[in-house]
Amino acid sequence: MSVQILYFASLKESLGRGVDTVDLPEGVKTVGELRDWLVANGAPVLATTRNLRCAVNQEMAPAATPLKDGDEVALFPPVTGG
């Protein structure tokens, strides 16, 4: 299964990129498993980012949200503005 991952705000800065397209291994089927897999494969900042938000196909998604081939997954830390 292939998904596109978009990184925003400080995640984009920390990782040095705003987008990845990845082929996921068989055992990665949910947003939470994707995050764990990314941490184990070179994105440790995702493990230490508090209150990380995720969206799948532009809709907010909890960790248990299943993924399917071609999904767009956005990862972003909480941001404030005023």
Protein backbone atom coordinates (compact mmCIF):
# COMPACT_ATOMS: atom_id res chain seq x y z
CA MET A 1 0.00 0.00 0.00
CA SER A 2 1.31 3.44 -0.91
CA VAL A 3 0.36 6.64 0.93
CA GLN A 4 1.40 10.27 0.64
CA ILE A 5 2.44 11.93 3.90
CA LEU A 6 2.33 15.69 4.35
CA TYR A 7 4.30 17.31 7.19
CA PHE A 8 3.40 20.76 8.47
CA ALA A 9 4.85 23.53 10.67
CA SER A 10 7.72 22.44 12.95
CA LEU A 11 7.55 18.84 11.67
CA LYS A 12 8.35 20.06 8.17
CA GLU A 13 11.27 22.09 9.52
CA SER A 14 12.61 19.25 11.69
CA LEU A 15 12.43 16.66 8.93
CA GLY A 16 13.65 18.99 6.18
CA ARG A 17 10.81 18.06 3.85
CA GLY A 18 7.11 18.64 3.49
CA VAL A 19 6.01 15.49 1.72
CA ASP A 20 6.87 11.81 1.41
CA THR A 21 5.32 9.06 -0.65
CA VAL A 22 5.93 5.71 1.00
CA ASP A 23 5.16 2.07 0.36
CA LEU A 24 4.05 0.66 3.69
CA PRO A 25 4.91 -2.82 4.92
CA GLU A 26 2.13 -5.35 5.40
CA GLY A 27 1.72 -4.71 9.14
CA VAL A 28 1.01 -0.97 8.87
CA LYS A 29 -2.74 -0.56 8.53
CA THR A 30 -3.72 2.40 10.74
CA VAL A 31 -2.65 5.99 11.36
CA GLY A 32 -1.09 4.99 14.70
CA GLU A 33 0.87 2.15 13.13
CA LEU A 34 2.04 4.57 10.43
CA ARG A 35 3.33 6.98 13.06
CA ASP A 36 5.18 4.15 14.86
CA TRP A 37 6.66 2.95 11.57
CA LEU A 38 7.81 6.47 10.65
CA VAL A 39 9.47 6.88 14.07
CA ALA A 40 11.32 3.58 13.59
CA ASN A 41 12.38 4.58 10.07
CA GLY A 42 14.01 7.96 10.54
CA ALA A 43 11.42 10.37 11.96
CA PRO A 44 11.97 10.28 15.74
CA VAL A 45 10.54 13.79 16.07
CA LEU A 46 7.09 12.22 15.65
CA ALA A 47 7.55 10.31 18.90
CA THR A 48 8.32 13.44 20.91
CA THR A 49 5.76 15.81 19.39
CA ARG A 50 3.02 16.30 21.95
CA ASN A 51 -0.57 16.37 20.74
CA LEU A 52 0.33 15.42 17.18
CA ARG A 53 -2.70 15.82 14.94
CA CYS A 54 -3.45 13.63 11.95
CA ALA A 55 -5.81 13.90 9.03
CA VAL A 56 -6.57 11.33 6.36
CA ASN A 57 -7.82 12.70 3.07
CA GLN A 58 -8.35 16.10 4.72
CA GLU A 59 -10.48 14.80 7.60
CA MET A 60 -9.23 14.64 11.19
CA ALA A 61 -8.34 11.08 12.08
CA PRO A 62 -7.60 9.28 15.37
CA ALA A 63 -4.81 6.71 15.63
CA ALA A 64 -7.17 3.80 14.97
CA THR A 65 -8.23 5.14 11.55
CA PRO A 66 -7.56 2.50 8.89
CA LEU A 67 -5.44 3.41 5.87
CA LYS A 68 -5.95 2.39 2.28
CA ASP A 69 -3.85 2.58 -0.84
CA GLY A 70 -3.57 6.12 -2.17
CA ASP A 71 -4.55 7.91 1.05
CA GLU A 72 -3.13 11.32 1.88
CA VAL A 73 -2.04 11.54 5.53
CA ALA A 74 -1.29 14.94 7.02
CA LEU A 75 0.71 15.20 10.25
CA PHE A 76 0.91 18.45 12.15
CA PRO A 77 1.68 19.68 15.64
CA PRO A 78 -0.75 21.94 17.45
CA VAL A 79 -0.25 25.54 16.39
CA THR A 80 -1.42 28.79 17.86
CA GLY A 81 -2.04 32.10 16.30
CA GLY A 82 -3.63 35.30 17.19
